[in-house]
Amino acid sequence: MDPEIVIAQTTSDDEEQAKSLARGAVESKLAAGVHIDAPITAFYWWQGKVEAAQEWRISYMTSSDRLPALEAWLHERHPYDVPQWVTLPVTGGSEAYLSWVVDETRPQ
């Protein structure tokens, strides 16, 4: 398989916002699929103190060639000043699934 597959992740403290960020990326063909994990508890440093929040983790399945466009799209829409944005390389998997990700993220 030529293009690499990537899972990109962010979080949101609002479930409806998480769903909007998921649906919009799929509709825009920036991600083939998106998973939203049930609420998680996050602890993090913010502006000099430890914060705690309930968040939803959003995982985008995409191809590496669509990653820059997905990241730009997300940063335009995400309400956080500094949204989490991490990417995880997919090092293996079902050939059929990986091909599906590539096919579904081709620009229209």
C-alpha atoms as a PDB file:
ATOM      1  CA  MET A   1       0.000   0.000   0.000  1.00  0.00           C
ATOM      2  CA  ASP A   2       1.494   3.337  -1.063  1.00  0.00           C
ATOM      3  CA  PRO A   3      -0.070   5.970   1.235  1.00  0.00           C
ATOM      4  CA  GLU A   4       0.483   5.520   4.936  1.00  0.00           C
ATOM      5  CA  ILE A   5      -2.514   5.298   7.223  1.00  0.00           C
ATOM      6  CA  VAL A   6      -2.621   7.517  10.298  1.00  0.00           C
ATOM      7  CA  ILE A   7      -4.856   7.851  13.323  1.00  0.00           C
ATOM      8  CA  ALA A   8      -5.046  11.495  14.403  1.00  0.00           C
ATOM      9  CA  GLN A   9      -6.531  12.418  17.770  1.00  0.00           C
ATOM     10  CA  THR A  10      -7.994  15.421  19.493  1.00  0.00           C
ATOM     11  CA  THR A  11     -10.397  15.958  22.381  1.00  0.00           C
ATOM     12  CA  SER A  12     -13.426  18.105  23.122  1.00  0.00           C
ATOM     13  CA  ASP A  13     -15.144  18.981  26.377  1.00  0.00           C
ATOM     14  CA  ASP A  14     -18.535  19.003  24.631  1.00  0.00           C
ATOM     15  CA  GLU A  15     -20.134  15.865  23.170  1.00  0.00           C
ATOM     16  CA  GLU A  16     -22.073  17.717  20.466  1.00  0.00           C
ATOM     17  CA  GLN A  17     -18.921  19.572  19.413  1.00  0.00           C
ATOM     18  CA  ALA A  18     -17.091  16.233  19.229  1.00  0.00           C
ATOM     19  CA  LYS A  19     -19.838  14.831  16.989  1.00  0.00           C
ATOM     20  CA  SER A  20     -19.690  17.924  14.781  1.00  0.00           C
ATOM     21  CA  LEU A  21     -15.896  17.639  14.437  1.00  0.00           C
ATOM     22  CA  ALA A  22     -16.285  13.949  13.579  1.00  0.00           C
ATOM     23  CA  ARG A  23     -19.106  14.278  11.057  1.00  0.00           C
ATOM     24  CA  GLY A  24     -17.576  17.306   9.339  1.00  0.00           C
ATOM     25  CA  ALA A  25     -14.253  15.568   8.752  1.00  0.00           C
ATOM     26  CA  VAL A  26     -15.964  12.522   7.230  1.00  0.00           C
ATOM     27  CA  GLU A  27     -18.290  14.644   5.077  1.00  0.00           C
ATOM     28  CA  SER A  28     -15.247  16.594   3.845  1.00  0.00           C
ATOM     29  CA  LYS A  29     -13.438  13.331   2.943  1.00  0.00           C
ATOM     30  CA  LEU A  30     -10.616  14.264   5.330  1.00  0.00           C
ATOM     31  CA  ALA A  31     -11.184  11.081   7.346  1.00  0.00           C
ATOM     32  CA  ALA A  32     -12.599   7.752   6.263  1.00  0.00           C
ATOM     33  CA  GLY A  33     -14.033   7.147   9.710  1.00  0.00           C
ATOM     34  CA  VAL A  34     -13.994   8.655  13.171  1.00  0.00           C
ATOM     35  CA  HIS A  35     -14.395   7.142  16.618  1.00  0.00           C
ATOM     36  CA  ILE A  36     -15.566   9.151  19.598  1.00  0.00           C
ATOM     37  CA  ASP A  37     -14.680   7.541  22.915  1.00  0.00           C
ATOM     38  CA  ALA A  38     -17.017   7.743  25.885  1.00  0.00           C
ATOM     39  CA  PRO A  39     -16.268  10.567  28.288  1.00  0.00           C
ATOM     40  CA  ILE A  40     -12.810  10.368  29.792  1.00  0.00           C
ATOM     41  CA  THR A  41     -11.366  12.365  32.669  1.00  0.00           C
ATOM     42  CA  ALA A  42      -8.399  14.506  31.721  1.00  0.00           C
ATOM     43  CA  PHE A  43      -5.899  16.124  34.085  1.00  0.00           C
ATOM     44  CA  TYR A  44      -3.521  18.687  32.611  1.00  0.00           C
ATOM     45  CA  TRP A  45      -1.559  21.842  33.291  1.00  0.00           C
ATOM     46  CA  TRP A  46      -3.229  25.015  32.014  1.00  0.00           C
ATOM     47  CA  GLN A  47      -2.159  28.577  32.804  1.00  0.00           C
ATOM     48  CA  GLY A  48      -0.051  27.568  35.799  1.00  0.00           C
ATOM     49  CA  LYS A  49      -2.422  25.166  37.540  1.00  0.00           C
ATOM     50  CA  VAL A  50      -3.651  21.604  37.290  1.00  0.00           C
ATOM     51  CA  GLU A  51      -7.082  21.343  35.699  1.00  0.00           C
ATOM     52  CA  ALA A  52      -9.495  18.433  35.424  1.00  0.00           C
ATOM     53  CA  ALA A  53     -12.172  18.071  32.767  1.00  0.00           C
ATOM     54  CA  GLN A  54     -14.495  15.554  31.213  1.00  0.00           C
ATOM     55  CA  GLU A  55     -13.619  15.156  27.542  1.00  0.00           C
ATOM     56  CA  TRP A  56     -14.466  13.039  24.521  1.00  0.00           C
ATOM     57  CA  ARG A  57     -11.512  11.638  22.551  1.00  0.00           C
ATOM     58  CA  ILE A  58     -11.943  11.919  18.784  1.00  0.00           C
ATOM     59  CA  SER A  59      -9.864   9.553  16.625  1.00  0.00           C
ATOM     60  CA  TYR A  60      -9.696  10.166  12.876  1.00  0.00           C
ATOM     61  CA  MET A  61      -8.679   7.384  10.466  1.00  0.00           C
ATOM     62  CA  THR A  62      -7.024   9.019   7.487  1.00  0.00           C
ATOM     63  CA  SER A  63      -4.188   8.745   4.998  1.00  0.00           C
ATOM     64  CA  SER A  64      -0.957  10.641   5.602  1.00  0.00           C
ATOM     65  CA  ASP A  65      -1.418  12.704   2.430  1.00  0.00           C
ATOM     66  CA  ARG A  66      -4.739  14.072   3.817  1.00  0.00           C
ATOM     67  CA  LEU A  67      -3.309  14.762   7.282  1.00  0.00           C
ATOM     68  CA  PRO A  68      -2.211  18.389   6.670  1.00  0.00           C
ATOM     69  CA  ALA A  69      -5.658  19.311   5.313  1.00  0.00           C
ATOM     70  CA  LEU A  70      -7.376  17.557   8.242  1.00  0.00           C
ATOM     71  CA  GLU A  71      -5.187  19.377  10.754  1.00  0.00           C
ATOM     72  CA  ALA A  72      -5.853  22.775   9.152  1.00  0.00           C
ATOM     73  CA  TRP A  73      -9.600  22.028   8.994  1.00  0.00           C
ATOM     74  CA  LEU A  74      -9.649  21.022  12.668  1.00  0.00           C
ATOM     75  CA  HIS A  75      -7.738  24.066  13.892  1.00  0.00           C
ATOM     76  CA  GLU A  76     -10.191  26.360  12.088  1.00  0.00           C
ATOM     77  CA  ARG A  77     -13.145  24.741  13.890  1.00  0.00           C
ATOM     78  CA  HIS A  78     -11.855  23.635  17.287  1.00  0.00           C
ATOM     79  CA  PRO A  79     -12.873  25.905  20.182  1.00  0.00           C
ATOM     80  CA  TYR A  80      -9.759  25.258  22.342  1.00  0.00           C
ATOM     81  CA  ASP A  81      -6.866  27.725  22.324  1.00  0.00           C
ATOM     82  CA  VAL A  82      -4.459  24.775  22.136  1.00  0.00           C
ATOM     83  CA  PRO A  83      -6.323  21.645  21.047  1.00  0.00           C
ATOM     84  CA  GLN A  84      -4.657  18.286  21.459  1.00  0.00           C
ATOM     85  CA  TRP A  85      -3.401  17.113  18.074  1.00  0.00           C
ATOM     86  CA  VAL A  86      -1.374  13.919  17.973  1.00  0.00           C
ATOM     87  CA  THR A  87      -0.890  11.410  15.199  1.00  0.00           C
ATOM     88  CA  LEU A  88      -0.229   7.711  15.448  1.00  0.00           C
ATOM     89  CA  PRO A  89       1.150   5.741  12.498  1.00  0.00           C
ATOM     90  CA  VAL A  90      -0.709   2.575  11.597  1.00  0.00           C
ATOM     91  CA  THR A  91       1.959  -0.066  11.122  1.00  0.00           C
ATOM     92  CA  GLY A  92      -0.284  -2.891   9.999  1.00  0.00           C
ATOM     93  CA  GLY A  93      -3.819  -4.049   9.556  1.00  0.00           C
ATOM     94  CA  SER A  94      -6.292  -5.605   7.205  1.00  0.00           C
ATOM     95  CA  GLU A  95      -5.392  -4.792   3.612  1.00  0.00           C
ATOM     96  CA  ALA A  96      -9.105  -4.338   2.831  1.00  0.00           C
ATOM     97  CA  TYR A  97      -9.551  -1.852   5.695  1.00  0.00           C
ATOM     98  CA  LEU A  98      -6.415   0.106   4.858  1.00  0.00           C
ATOM     99  CA  SER A  99      -7.474   0.315   1.207  1.00  0.00           C
ATOM    100  CA  TRP A 100     -10.908   1.539   2.303  1.00  0.00           C
ATOM    101  CA  VAL A 101      -9.294   4.367   4.327  1.00  0.00           C
ATOM    102  CA  VAL A 102      -7.268   5.453   1.286  1.00  0.00           C
ATOM    103  CA  ASP A 103     -10.269   5.246  -1.060  1.00  0.00           C
ATOM    104  CA  GLU A 104     -12.562   7.212   1.242  1.00  0.00           C
ATOM    105  CA  THR A 105     -10.087  10.041   1.821  1.00  0.00           C
ATOM    106  CA  ARG A 106      -9.375  10.797  -1.815  1.00  0.00           C
ATOM    107  CA  PRO A 107     -10.308  14.411  -2.576  1.00  0.00           C
ATOM    108  CA  GLN A 108     -13.488  14.719  -4.583  1.00  0.00           C
END
